[in-house]
Amino acid sequence: MPRIETLAPAKINLTLHVTGQRADGYHLLDSLVTFAPVGDRLLIGPGAGLSLMVDGPEAAGVPADASNLVLKMAALLPAGHGATLRLRKYLPAASGIGGGSSDAAAALRGLAAFWGLVATDLPAPDRLAALGADIPMCMMPEPLRARGIGADLTPVSLPPLPAILVNPRVEVPTPAVFKALTQKQNPPMPAQLPPFADAPALISWLERQRNDLQAPACAVQPIIATVLETLQTLPGARLARMSGSGATCFALFTTMAEAEAAHHTLCATCPAWWSTCALLGDQRAAAAPQAV
């Protein structure tokens, strides 16, 4: 039986408008989401039971037991199958770019291919959302508009975005960020998104949108404000913003040449930070399970 490998791409919230809160405590969102061609990698091979090994440059502190979302996702699939799972961590943990959720989505895609499952074998969307609010959007890693609690998804057409992603290597607990959010009734994005001819047009529109969790996250971890200031001063940077509930931030550029040059400068001045240069966009092909 061939082994299967699949990418768990990083999820980037280009916008994140908090529009309300339900009686059960879930926050309501309106977010424009895209994905990066960088992420964790999941390798699946034959095994008598289910086992998980975690390694890679960002593996420290990531559990390999039943608390890992990869094994939680496997537990939602039909019993009676076995596999050895090796998760190679390249994304910082608890960093606002959907690492664990994307890992879980990669596990579903990979195990479904490895075990030859059909659609009726797979968990319903509500079970995926119950496992993790970001998992439904990570199941189809393409540009999306996510509304409600994150499971109301609409594919959107976005031009590729040259970007730098940066994490200062601090974890930001999502509950603490939402607790620090004083205004939970904020305007959503426009009902109809405009067409975007190219990256400069999209960036100009994004400049008028928000991440409502950015200010509370900066209050919880002030170094996020330092990251944003650093990114905004890089040559060619058009927009700097935080993704999700932090602490990963991004800077957007009009060309990859500008992004790559700015990333070189950033690495020289802030070598302790995790960072990468990437063209953000549709990653469905990159995330498709491949036999290896």
C-alpha atoms as a PDB file:
ATOM      1  CA  MET A   1       0.000   0.000   0.000  1.00  0.00           C
ATOM      2  CA  PRO A   2       1.547   3.386  -1.000  1.00  0.00           C
ATOM      3  CA  ARG A   3       2.012   6.035   1.625  1.00  0.00           C
ATOM      4  CA  ILE A   4       0.057   9.286   1.409  1.00  0.00           C
ATOM      5  CA  GLU A   5       1.396  12.783   2.048  1.00  0.00           C
ATOM      6  CA  THR A   6      -0.679  15.941   2.290  1.00  0.00           C
ATOM      7  CA  LEU A   7      -0.001  19.601   3.055  1.00  0.00           C
ATOM      8  CA  ALA A   8      -1.789  21.428   5.880  1.00  0.00           C
ATOM      9  CA  PRO A   9      -1.475  24.999   4.559  1.00  0.00           C
ATOM     10  CA  ALA A  10      -1.433  28.046   6.809  1.00  0.00           C
ATOM     11  CA  LYS A  11      -4.743  29.935   6.979  1.00  0.00           C
ATOM     12  CA  ILE A  12      -4.565  33.724   6.821  1.00  0.00           C
ATOM     13  CA  ASN A  13      -7.420  36.002   7.921  1.00  0.00           C
ATOM     14  CA  LEU A  14      -7.038  39.024   5.647  1.00  0.00           C
ATOM     15  CA  THR A  15      -9.962  40.560   7.541  1.00  0.00           C
ATOM     16  CA  LEU A  16     -11.741  39.502  10.723  1.00  0.00           C
ATOM     17  CA  HIS A  17     -14.832  41.490  11.680  1.00  0.00           C
ATOM     18  CA  VAL A  18     -16.482  40.429  14.952  1.00  0.00           C
ATOM     19  CA  THR A  19     -20.164  41.136  14.383  1.00  0.00           C
ATOM     20  CA  GLY A  20     -21.819  39.733  17.524  1.00  0.00           C
ATOM     21  CA  GLN A  21     -22.025  36.955  20.074  1.00  0.00           C
ATOM     22  CA  ARG A  22     -24.567  34.165  20.380  1.00  0.00           C
ATOM     23  CA  ALA A  23     -26.308  33.210  23.611  1.00  0.00           C
ATOM     24  CA  ASP A  24     -24.130  30.080  23.811  1.00  0.00           C
ATOM     25  CA  GLY A  25     -20.972  32.221  23.856  1.00  0.00           C
ATOM     26  CA  TYR A  26     -19.840  31.659  20.260  1.00  0.00           C
ATOM     27  CA  HIS A  27     -18.728  34.839  18.527  1.00  0.00           C
ATOM     28  CA  LEU A  28     -20.098  35.771  15.108  1.00  0.00           C
ATOM     29  CA  LEU A  29     -17.558  36.670  12.453  1.00  0.00           C
ATOM     30  CA  ASP A  30     -17.233  37.985   8.938  1.00  0.00           C
ATOM     31  CA  SER A  31     -13.772  37.133   7.630  1.00  0.00           C
ATOM     32  CA  LEU A  32     -11.962  37.084   4.314  1.00  0.00           C
ATOM     33  CA  VAL A  33      -9.637  34.079   4.372  1.00  0.00           C
ATOM     34  CA  THR A  34      -6.855  32.895   2.107  1.00  0.00           C
ATOM     35  CA  PHE A  35      -4.092  30.292   2.380  1.00  0.00           C
ATOM     36  CA  ALA A  36      -0.314  30.120   2.085  1.00  0.00           C
ATOM     37  CA  PRO A  37       1.704  27.463   0.210  1.00  0.00           C
ATOM     38  CA  VAL A  38       3.610  26.810   3.454  1.00  0.00           C
ATOM     39  CA  GLY A  39       2.370  24.600   6.269  1.00  0.00           C
ATOM     40  CA  ASP A  40       2.679  21.381   8.182  1.00  0.00           C
ATOM     41  CA  ARG A  41       2.955  18.057   6.335  1.00  0.00           C
ATOM     42  CA  LEU A  42       1.181  14.829   7.242  1.00  0.00           C
ATOM     43  CA  LEU A  43       2.609  11.483   6.100  1.00  0.00           C
ATOM     44  CA  ILE A  44       0.308   8.452   6.332  1.00  0.00           C
ATOM     45  CA  GLY A  45       1.477   4.849   6.114  1.00  0.00           C
ATOM     46  CA  PRO A  46       0.131   1.389   6.941  1.00  0.00           C
ATOM     47  CA  GLY A  47      -0.337   0.339  10.557  1.00  0.00           C
ATOM     48  CA  ALA A  48      -2.274  -2.176  12.621  1.00  0.00           C
ATOM     49  CA  GLY A  49      -3.827   0.564  14.719  1.00  0.00           C
ATOM     50  CA  LEU A  50      -3.673   4.362  14.805  1.00  0.00           C
ATOM     51  CA  SER A  51      -0.444   5.999  15.946  1.00  0.00           C
ATOM     52  CA  LEU A  52       0.888   9.537  15.694  1.00  0.00           C
ATOM     53  CA  MET A  53       4.453  10.860  15.738  1.00  0.00           C
ATOM     54  CA  VAL A  54       5.147  14.609  15.729  1.00  0.00           C
ATOM     55  CA  ASP A  55       8.469  16.053  14.601  1.00  0.00           C
ATOM     56  CA  GLY A  56       9.795  18.964  12.600  1.00  0.00           C
ATOM     57  CA  PRO A  57      11.267  22.363  13.482  1.00  0.00           C
ATOM     58  CA  GLU A  58       8.116  23.566  15.286  1.00  0.00           C
ATOM     59  CA  ALA A  59       7.229  20.298  17.051  1.00  0.00           C
ATOM     60  CA  ALA A  60       8.194  21.369  20.579  1.00  0.00           C
ATOM     61  CA  GLY A  61       5.194  21.213  22.889  1.00  0.00           C
ATOM     62  CA  VAL A  62       2.842  19.707  20.289  1.00  0.00           C
ATOM     63  CA  PRO A  63       1.178  16.592  21.765  1.00  0.00           C
ATOM     64  CA  ALA A  64       1.267  13.233  19.987  1.00  0.00           C
ATOM     65  CA  ASP A  65      -1.522  11.717  22.084  1.00  0.00           C
ATOM     66  CA  ALA A  66      -5.311  11.664  21.724  1.00  0.00           C
ATOM     67  CA  SER A  67      -5.510  15.400  22.469  1.00  0.00           C
ATOM     68  CA  ASN A  68      -3.975  16.197  19.055  1.00  0.00           C
ATOM     69  CA  LEU A  69      -6.617  17.264  16.522  1.00  0.00           C
ATOM     70  CA  VAL A  70      -5.171  14.823  13.976  1.00  0.00           C
ATOM     71  CA  LEU A  71      -6.160  11.848  16.135  1.00  0.00           C
ATOM     72  CA  LYS A  72      -9.431  13.505  17.141  1.00  0.00           C
ATOM     73  CA  MET A  73     -10.283  13.775  13.447  1.00  0.00           C
ATOM     74  CA  ALA A  74      -9.279  10.137  12.849  1.00  0.00           C
ATOM     75  CA  ALA A  75     -11.651   9.130  15.661  1.00  0.00           C
ATOM     76  CA  LEU A  76     -14.560  10.645  13.697  1.00  0.00           C
ATOM     77  CA  LEU A  77     -13.903   8.324  10.745  1.00  0.00           C
ATOM     78  CA  PRO A  78     -15.156   4.725  10.444  1.00  0.00           C
ATOM     79  CA  ALA A  79     -13.495   2.320  12.866  1.00  0.00           C
ATOM     80  CA  GLY A  80     -11.625  -0.801  11.829  1.00  0.00           C
ATOM     81  CA  HIS A  81      -8.818   0.893   9.896  1.00  0.00           C
ATOM     82  CA  GLY A  82      -5.204   1.394  10.860  1.00  0.00           C
ATOM     83  CA  ALA A  83      -2.485   3.869   9.915  1.00  0.00           C
ATOM     84  CA  THR A  84       0.761   5.344  11.148  1.00  0.00           C
ATOM     85  CA  LEU A  85       0.658   9.149  11.063  1.00  0.00           C
ATOM     86  CA  ARG A  86       3.723  11.379  11.028  1.00  0.00           C
ATOM     87  CA  LEU A  87       3.027  15.100  11.472  1.00  0.00           C
ATOM     88  CA  ARG A  88       5.908  17.366  10.513  1.00  0.00           C
ATOM     89  CA  LYS A  89       5.370  20.761  12.161  1.00  0.00           C
ATOM     90  CA  TYR A  90       6.597  23.813  10.267  1.00  0.00           C
ATOM     91  CA  LEU A  91       4.019  26.321  11.582  1.00  0.00           C
ATOM     92  CA  PRO A  92       4.268  27.790  15.087  1.00  0.00           C
ATOM     93  CA  ALA A  93       1.624  26.454  17.497  1.00  0.00           C
ATOM     94  CA  ALA A  94      -1.237  28.670  18.758  1.00  0.00           C
ATOM     95  CA  SER A  95      -0.330  31.370  16.258  1.00  0.00           C
ATOM     96  CA  GLY A  96      -3.583  32.455  14.565  1.00  0.00           C
ATOM     97  CA  ILE A  97      -2.932  30.730  11.233  1.00  0.00           C
ATOM     98  CA  GLY A  98      -4.996  27.597  11.807  1.00  0.00           C
ATOM     99  CA  GLY A  99      -2.134  25.143  12.309  1.00  0.00           C
ATOM    100  CA  GLY A 100      -3.998  22.540  14.365  1.00  0.00           C
ATOM    101  CA  SER A 101      -7.224  22.956  12.400  1.00  0.00           C
ATOM    102  CA  SER A 102      -5.387  22.644   9.100  1.00  0.00           C
ATOM    103  CA  ASP A 103      -3.614  19.532  10.442  1.00  0.00           C
ATOM    104  CA  ALA A 104      -7.020  18.018  11.257  1.00  0.00           C
ATOM    105  CA  ALA A 105      -8.366  18.852   7.799  1.00  0.00           C
ATOM    106  CA  ALA A 106      -5.248  17.306   6.231  1.00  0.00           C
ATOM    107  CA  ALA A 107      -5.855  14.169   8.316  1.00  0.00           C
ATOM    108  CA  LEU A 108      -9.374  13.869   6.950  1.00  0.00           C
ATOM    109  CA  ARG A 109      -8.247  14.379   3.352  1.00  0.00           C
ATOM    110  CA  GLY A 110      -5.292  12.045   3.732  1.00  0.00           C
ATOM    111  CA  LEU A 111      -7.032   9.249   5.634  1.00  0.00           C
ATOM    112  CA  ALA A 112     -10.012   9.338   3.284  1.00  0.00           C
ATOM    113  CA  ALA A 113      -7.629   8.797   0.362  1.00  0.00           C
ATOM    114  CA  PHE A 114      -5.520   6.213   2.218  1.00  0.00           C
ATOM    115  CA  TRP A 115      -8.502   4.143   3.350  1.00  0.00           C
ATOM    116  CA  GLY A 116     -10.586   4.663   0.189  1.00  0.00           C
ATOM    117  CA  LEU A 117     -13.473   6.276   2.039  1.00  0.00           C
ATOM    118  CA  VAL A 118     -16.503   7.703   0.265  1.00  0.00           C
ATOM    119  CA  ALA A 119     -18.506  10.829   1.028  1.00  0.00           C
ATOM    120  CA  THR A 120     -20.986   9.011   3.259  1.00  0.00           C
ATOM    121  CA  ASP A 121     -18.098   7.856   5.480  1.00  0.00           C
ATOM    122  CA  LEU A 122     -17.036  11.416   6.278  1.00  0.00           C
ATOM    123  CA  PRO A 123     -18.211  13.530   9.246  1.00  0.00           C
ATOM    124  CA  ALA A 124     -20.985  16.053   8.687  1.00  0.00           C
ATOM    125  CA  PRO A 125     -19.942  19.739   8.629  1.00  0.00           C
ATOM    126  CA  ASP A 126     -21.449  20.369  12.068  1.00  0.00           C
ATOM    127  CA  ARG A 127     -19.241  17.643  13.585  1.00  0.00           C
ATOM    128  CA  LEU A 128     -16.195  19.206  11.958  1.00  0.00           C
ATOM    129  CA  ALA A 129     -17.110  22.633  13.340  1.00  0.00           C
ATOM    130  CA  ALA A 130     -17.637  21.144  16.801  1.00  0.00           C
ATOM    131  CA  LEU A 131     -14.104  19.736  16.663  1.00  0.00           C
ATOM    132  CA  GLY A 132     -12.664  23.148  15.714  1.00  0.00           C
ATOM    133  CA  ALA A 133     -14.259  26.311  14.353  1.00  0.00           C
ATOM    134  CA  ASP A 134     -11.549  26.738  11.685  1.00  0.00           C
ATOM    135  CA  ILE A 135     -11.657  23.139  10.418  1.00  0.00           C
ATOM    136  CA  PRO A 136     -14.496  23.586   7.866  1.00  0.00           C
ATOM    137  CA  MET A 137     -12.650  26.431   6.120  1.00  0.00           C
ATOM    138  CA  CYS A 138      -9.371  24.463   6.194  1.00  0.00           C
ATOM    139  CA  MET A 139     -11.119  21.556   4.463  1.00  0.00           C
ATOM    140  CA  MET A 140     -11.158  23.576   1.235  1.00  0.00           C
ATOM    141  CA  PRO A 141      -8.003  25.726   1.315  1.00  0.00           C
ATOM    142  CA  GLU A 142      -9.035  28.333  -1.217  1.00  0.00           C
ATOM    143  CA  PRO A 143      -9.987  32.009  -0.779  1.00  0.00           C
ATOM    144  CA  LEU A 144     -13.211  32.110   1.226  1.00  0.00           C
ATOM    145  CA  ARG A 145     -15.612  34.416   2.982  1.00  0.00           C
ATOM    146  CA  ALA A 146     -16.377  32.880   6.391  1.00  0.00           C
ATOM    147  CA  ARG A 147     -19.426  34.072   8.309  1.00  0.00           C
ATOM    148  CA  GLY A 148     -21.411  33.054  11.368  1.00  0.00           C
ATOM    149  CA  ILE A 149     -19.217  31.057  13.739  1.00  0.00           C
ATOM    150  CA  GLY A 150     -16.903  30.289  10.816  1.00  0.00           C
ATOM    151  CA  ALA A 151     -18.782  27.475   9.102  1.00  0.00           C
ATOM    152  CA  ASP A 152     -20.866  29.575   6.677  1.00  0.00           C
ATOM    153  CA  LEU A 153     -18.402  29.507   3.786  1.00  0.00           C
ATOM    154  CA  THR A 154     -18.505  31.136   0.350  1.00  0.00           C
ATOM    155  CA  PRO A 155     -15.622  30.765  -2.142  1.00  0.00           C
ATOM    156  CA  VAL A 156     -14.425  34.120  -3.498  1.00  0.00           C
ATOM    157  CA  SER A 157     -12.154  35.126  -6.338  1.00  0.00           C
ATOM    158  CA  LEU A 158      -8.983  36.865  -5.147  1.00  0.00           C
ATOM    159  CA  PRO A 159      -5.754  37.646  -6.985  1.00  0.00           C
ATOM    160  CA  PRO A 160      -2.586  36.079  -5.543  1.00  0.00           C
ATOM    161  CA  LEU A 161      -1.057  38.214  -2.795  1.00  0.00           C
ATOM    162  CA  PRO A 162       2.713  38.493  -2.227  1.00  0.00           C
ATOM    163  CA  ALA A 163       3.228  38.438   1.541  1.00  0.00           C
ATOM    164  CA  ILE A 164       5.531  37.985   4.491  1.00  0.00           C
ATOM    165  CA  LEU A 165       4.229  36.028   7.500  1.00  0.00           C
ATOM    166  CA  VAL A 166       5.828  36.720  10.884  1.00  0.00           C
ATOM    167  CA  ASN A 167       5.385  35.245  14.356  1.00  0.00           C
ATOM    168  CA  PRO A 168       7.396  36.624  17.309  1.00  0.00           C
ATOM    169  CA  ARG A 169       7.283  33.209  18.999  1.00  0.00           C
ATOM    170  CA  VAL A 170       4.707  34.058  21.635  1.00  0.00           C
ATOM    171  CA  GLU A 171       1.470  32.137  22.125  1.00  0.00           C
ATOM    172  CA  VAL A 172      -1.752  34.120  22.430  1.00  0.00           C
ATOM    173  CA  PRO A 173      -4.653  32.254  24.086  1.00  0.00           C
ATOM    174  CA  THR A 174      -7.743  32.917  21.958  1.00  0.00           C
ATOM    175  CA  PRO A 175     -10.105  33.119  24.991  1.00  0.00           C
ATOM    176  CA  ALA A 176      -7.939  35.875  26.503  1.00  0.00           C
ATOM    177  CA  VAL A 177      -8.122  37.892  23.288  1.00  0.00           C
ATOM    178  CA  PHE A 178     -11.912  37.625  23.048  1.00  0.00           C
ATOM    179  CA  LYS A 179     -12.168  38.535  26.747  1.00  0.00           C
ATOM    180  CA  ALA A 180     -10.199  41.707  26.039  1.00  0.00           C
ATOM    181  CA  LEU A 181     -12.550  42.621  23.158  1.00  0.00           C
ATOM    182  CA  THR A 182     -14.855  45.275  24.612  1.00  0.00           C
ATOM    183  CA  GLN A 183     -17.000  45.935  21.504  1.00  0.00           C
ATOM    184  CA  LYS A 184     -18.547  42.758  20.094  1.00  0.00           C
ATOM    185  CA  GLN A 185     -21.150  44.339  17.809  1.00  0.00           C
ATOM    186  CA  ASN A 186     -19.155  45.640  14.856  1.00  0.00           C
ATOM    187  CA  PRO A 187     -20.046  46.226  11.192  1.00  0.00           C
ATOM    188  CA  PRO A 188     -19.496  43.312   8.790  1.00  0.00           C
ATOM    189  CA  MET A 189     -17.789  43.581   5.443  1.00  0.00           C
ATOM    190  CA  PRO A 190     -19.983  44.864   2.592  1.00  0.00           C
ATOM    191  CA  ALA A 191     -22.718  42.415   1.604  1.00  0.00           C
ATOM    192  CA  GLN A 192     -21.209  42.167  -1.885  1.00  0.00           C
ATOM    193  CA  LEU A 193     -17.452  42.146  -2.283  1.00  0.00           C
ATOM    194  CA  PRO A 194     -16.145  44.177  -5.236  1.00  0.00           C
ATOM    195  CA  PRO A 195     -14.159  42.545  -8.043  1.00  0.00           C
ATOM    196  CA  PHE A 196     -10.398  42.751  -7.546  1.00  0.00           C
ATOM    197  CA  ALA A 197      -8.399  43.173 -10.743  1.00  0.00           C
ATOM    198  CA  ASP A 198      -5.002  42.621  -9.145  1.00  0.00           C
ATOM    199  CA  ALA A 199      -3.081  42.607  -5.872  1.00  0.00           C
ATOM    200  CA  PRO A 200      -2.868  46.439  -5.569  1.00  0.00           C
ATOM    201  CA  ALA A 201      -6.658  46.719  -5.949  1.00  0.00           C
ATOM    202  CA  LEU A 202      -7.258  44.081  -3.290  1.00  0.00           C
ATOM    203  CA  ILE A 203      -4.749  45.650  -0.893  1.00  0.00           C
ATOM    204  CA  SER A 204      -6.362  49.090  -1.324  1.00  0.00           C
ATOM    205  CA  TRP A 205      -9.722  47.580  -0.371  1.00  0.00           C
ATOM    206  CA  LEU A 206      -8.256  45.626   2.558  1.00  0.00           C
ATOM    207  CA  GLU A 207      -6.835  48.859   3.975  1.00  0.00           C
ATOM    208  CA  ARG A 208     -10.428  49.935   4.683  1.00  0.00           C
ATOM    209  CA  GLN A 209     -11.302  46.689   6.484  1.00  0.00           C
ATOM    210  CA  ARG A 210     -10.286  45.434   9.945  1.00  0.00           C
ATOM    211  CA  ASN A 211      -9.207  42.674  12.269  1.00  0.00           C
ATOM    212  CA  ASP A 212     -11.271  43.469  15.364  1.00  0.00           C
ATOM    213  CA  LEU A 213      -9.094  41.143  17.464  1.00  0.00           C
ATOM    214  CA  GLN A 214      -5.870  42.990  16.665  1.00  0.00           C
ATOM    215  CA  ALA A 215      -6.127  45.686  19.361  1.00  0.00           C
ATOM    216  CA  PRO A 216      -7.158  43.223  22.118  1.00  0.00           C
ATOM    217  CA  ALA A 217      -4.351  40.852  21.098  1.00  0.00           C
ATOM    218  CA  CYS A 218      -1.836  43.706  21.280  1.00  0.00           C
ATOM    219  CA  ALA A 219      -3.107  44.428  24.802  1.00  0.00           C
ATOM    220  CA  VAL A 220      -2.565  40.783  25.773  1.00  0.00           C
ATOM    221  CA  GLN A 221       0.823  40.504  24.004  1.00  0.00           C
ATOM    222  CA  PRO A 222       2.307  43.972  23.299  1.00  0.00           C
ATOM    223  CA  ILE A 223       5.043  42.484  21.102  1.00  0.00           C
ATOM    224  CA  ILE A 224       2.380  42.063  18.392  1.00  0.00           C
ATOM    225  CA  ALA A 225       2.274  45.855  18.054  1.00  0.00           C
ATOM    226  CA  THR A 226       6.065  45.817  17.646  1.00  0.00           C
ATOM    227  CA  VAL A 227       5.772  43.208  14.874  1.00  0.00           C
ATOM    228  CA  LEU A 228       3.148  45.281  13.048  1.00  0.00           C
ATOM    229  CA  GLU A 229       5.263  48.438  13.295  1.00  0.00           C
ATOM    230  CA  THR A 230       8.306  46.546  12.014  1.00  0.00           C
ATOM    231  CA  LEU A 231       6.396  45.104   9.065  1.00  0.00           C
ATOM    232  CA  GLN A 232       4.842  48.434   8.115  1.00  0.00           C
ATOM    233  CA  THR A 233       8.286  50.051   7.852  1.00  0.00           C
ATOM    234  CA  LEU A 234       9.690  47.415   5.471  1.00  0.00           C
ATOM    235  CA  PRO A 235      10.384  48.732   1.950  1.00  0.00           C
ATOM    236  CA  GLY A 236       7.397  48.096  -0.313  1.00  0.00           C
ATOM    237  CA  ALA A 237       5.004  47.001   2.450  1.00  0.00           C
ATOM    238  CA  ARG A 238       1.492  48.171   1.590  1.00  0.00           C
ATOM    239  CA  LEU A 239      -0.433  46.770   4.565  1.00  0.00           C
ATOM    240  CA  ALA A 240       0.478  45.105   7.862  1.00  0.00           C
ATOM    241  CA  ARG A 241      -2.186  43.261   9.863  1.00  0.00           C
ATOM    242  CA  MET A 242      -2.578  40.422  12.361  1.00  0.00           C
ATOM    243  CA  SER A 243      -4.132  37.100  11.338  1.00  0.00           C
ATOM    244  CA  GLY A 244      -6.843  35.483  13.442  1.00  0.00           C
ATOM    245  CA  SER A 245      -6.364  36.007  17.167  1.00  0.00           C
ATOM    246  CA  GLY A 246      -2.570  36.286  16.772  1.00  0.00           C
ATOM    247  CA  ALA A 247       0.253  36.383  17.210  1.00  0.00           C
ATOM    248  CA  THR A 248       1.139  35.810  13.527  1.00  0.00           C
ATOM    249  CA  CYS A 249       1.046  38.983  11.441  1.00  0.00           C
ATOM    250  CA  PHE A 250       1.437  39.573   7.721  1.00  0.00           C
ATOM    251  CA  ALA A 251       2.631  42.289   5.394  1.00  0.00           C
ATOM    252  CA  LEU A 252       1.287  42.534   1.840  1.00  0.00           C
ATOM    253  CA  PHE A 253       3.235  43.663  -1.217  1.00  0.00           C
ATOM    254  CA  THR A 254       2.406  44.279  -4.860  1.00  0.00           C
ATOM    255  CA  THR A 255       5.151  41.991  -6.226  1.00  0.00           C
ATOM    256  CA  MET A 256       6.993  38.898  -5.005  1.00  0.00           C
ATOM    257  CA  ALA A 257      10.316  40.630  -5.708  1.00  0.00           C
ATOM    258  CA  GLU A 258       9.398  43.328  -3.178  1.00  0.00           C
ATOM    259  CA  ALA A 259       8.242  40.719  -0.650  1.00  0.00           C
ATOM    260  CA  GLU A 260      11.420  38.652  -1.026  1.00  0.00           C
ATOM    261  CA  ALA A 261      13.683  41.693  -0.639  1.00  0.00           C
ATOM    262  CA  ALA A 262      11.766  42.845   2.438  1.00  0.00           C
ATOM    263  CA  HIS A 263      11.914  39.347   3.917  1.00  0.00           C
ATOM    264  CA  HIS A 264      15.684  39.327   3.505  1.00  0.00           C
ATOM    265  CA  THR A 265      15.841  42.604   5.441  1.00  0.00           C
ATOM    266  CA  LEU A 266      13.523  41.276   8.148  1.00  0.00           C
ATOM    267  CA  CYS A 267      15.559  38.099   8.646  1.00  0.00           C
ATOM    268  CA  ALA A 268      18.697  40.176   9.131  1.00  0.00           C
ATOM    269  CA  THR A 269      17.121  42.505  11.691  1.00  0.00           C
ATOM    270  CA  CYS A 270      14.805  40.103  13.578  1.00  0.00           C
ATOM    271  CA  PRO A 271      16.402  36.642  13.286  1.00  0.00           C
ATOM    272  CA  ALA A 272      14.645  35.265  16.401  1.00  0.00           C
ATOM    273  CA  TRP A 273      11.192  35.640  14.841  1.00  0.00           C
ATOM    274  CA  TRP A 274       9.607  32.891  12.744  1.00  0.00           C
ATOM    275  CA  SER A 275       8.980  34.235   9.258  1.00  0.00           C
ATOM    276  CA  THR A 276       8.392  33.161   5.695  1.00  0.00           C
ATOM    277  CA  CYS A 277       7.730  34.740   2.306  1.00  0.00           C
ATOM    278  CA  ALA A 278       4.771  33.357   0.361  1.00  0.00           C
ATOM    279  CA  LEU A 279       2.283  33.990  -2.429  1.00  0.00           C
ATOM    280  CA  LEU A 280      -1.125  33.742  -0.761  1.00  0.00           C
ATOM    281  CA  GLY A 281      -4.018  32.196  -2.677  1.00  0.00           C
ATOM    282  CA  ASP A 282      -5.713  28.946  -3.683  1.00  0.00           C
ATOM    283  CA  GLN A 283      -3.876  25.948  -2.206  1.00  0.00           C
ATOM    284  CA  ARG A 284      -6.333  23.150  -3.077  1.00  0.00           C
ATOM    285  CA  ALA A 285      -3.941  21.515  -5.538  1.00  0.00           C
ATOM    286  CA  ALA A 286      -0.992  21.768  -3.141  1.00  0.00           C
ATOM    287  CA  ALA A 287      -3.071  20.277  -0.298  1.00  0.00           C
ATOM    288  CA  ALA A 288      -4.430  17.342  -2.303  1.00  0.00           C
ATOM    289  CA  PRO A 289      -3.213  13.950  -0.975  1.00  0.00           C
ATOM    290  CA  GLN A 290      -0.319  12.532  -2.984  1.00  0.00           C
ATOM    291  CA  ALA A 291       1.034   8.968  -3.091  1.00  0.00           C
ATOM    292  CA  VAL A 292       4.711   8.860  -2.086  1.00  0.00           C
END
